[in-house]
Structures are given as structure tokens and as C-alpha cells.
Amino acid sequence: MEERLQKVMAHAGVDSRRACEEIIREGRVTVNGEVAHLGLKVNPQEDIILIDGKPLGGTEQKRYLILNKPFGFITTVNDQFGRKDVLDLVSDIPERIYPVGRLDFDSEGLVFLTNDGSLAHKVMHPSFEIPKTYSVVLEGKITMDSVYRLRTGIILEDGRTAPAKVKLLETSNSESRFHLTIHEGRNRQVRRMCSKIGHEVKRLIRVGIGPLELGNLPSGKYRNLTKEEIRLLKQAVDS
């Protein structure tokens, strides 16, 4: 799948998209031996992309991690407000890794980090439909009608959501707990879906991305993926 070069570079962790545009303008990027121009579309899986003569992503050892993001951290690599970001929690990793996708400032849980640009692109892009599972705690008691609406699609400002999987865990008059699985990646999607059914989210934790599970990983800690987890993740995006 082709995408604009600056977007591919940003996804690979080179820099922000705006900074990548400047790098392209400076003539420092070649694609298949030709100097690239702004707006060029590339396929990162097929095209040879060099920055200052070095392959995109470099020759670093490929690293694959999951992190349990605490509340109050952002997943944006460059933040104009100077807030704490998840890379602060993996600062001892020598390779230049980057978070794949977003997890809101006020949400917690599983973040996948890697320097494998091709795999990151597939995990993040909605066309590959990699499921993300969230543990949701809502204010108040959720009704079966609301569960049905989540399962069949909620109409948001940016269109109807794809059907979600809902697994109820516990309900009472004061709060409801359930697992919600979606494969889209819209901004604050889970919170907006819950708002549409009349409930405020008290706590939101991402517990799964495809075959990856948060498990009992402590908050603020990370671990390397096993070879089997890497194999299963690559299999999921290539199936």
C-alpha cells in the first residue's frame, strides 16, 4: 500500500511529519536511487528508501516491546507542551524505538513499541483490522440495549463505528465493567462510544493488541516480546 513519503518516515520514527517534510525538501532522501520530492508516494515494503544514504530504519537490531502505560503519559513522540511520554519509560533501550498507534493521556495499558517500520505500519493501519481490547469501567449500570448498540455500531460525529465485541464482567447500580474489542483507531473512540450510550468512562485500560496481551505487567514497566509473540503478530497482519 502506497502512502506519502513524509508519513512513512514519521511512522518509522525519523521525526515529526513536518520535520520529515523539511528533510525531503533538503534533498536528503532518495527512493529507488532517485532524489525524492515532497508528495511522493511510496510502498515501504517494496521501495528502497535512503536518508542521508542510510536505509530507512537503519541497520539497528529489530526490537519489539510492550509497555504498561500509566495514567498521565502521552504516546506522542514530540509534544509541544513538554508532557511526560512513554519513551521516558524505555530510555534504557539503545535502539530508537517508537510507540505504534495512540493511547490517550488519561488511558492506561498496553502500548506496542518497535523500530520495525513495516510491522508498525500494518499494526496501526485500520485496513489490517488488528483488534484492540480494552477493559472499561463505566459510571452507572449498562443496559442490554446499550450493549446491543455497541455490538452493532454507534453513530459518531465521524460516522458509524464498526461492530464491537462486548464481554460483560460485572454490573451494579454504581458502575459497570466489561471488555470491549474494536479494530478501528479513531481519536478517543471508546470514550465517545460510551458517551453516546449515556455513560462516562471512569477507567480505561488497553489489555490487548491482536495476539499481544498485557497480562500482569506492572504499570510503567516494559518487557520484550517472545519469539512466539512476534511470530503471531506478524502472522496476524499477513493473514
Foldseek 3Di string as FASTA:
>chain_A
DKDWPLVLLVLLVVDHSVVSQVQLVVQQKDKQRHRDHGPDIDDLVPIFIDGNRATRLHPDDKFKKKAWADAQEWQDPDDPVPTHHLCVLVVVDPGRKGWQATDDNGATEITMIISPSVLSCLLRDLVLQWKWKKKWKKFAFDDVVLVVCQQPWDQDPVGTFHGWDWAWDDGDGGMTIIMIMGRDRDDVVVQRSQVRSPIGTPHMYTADTRPDGRPPADHSHMDTDDPVVVVRSVVSSVD
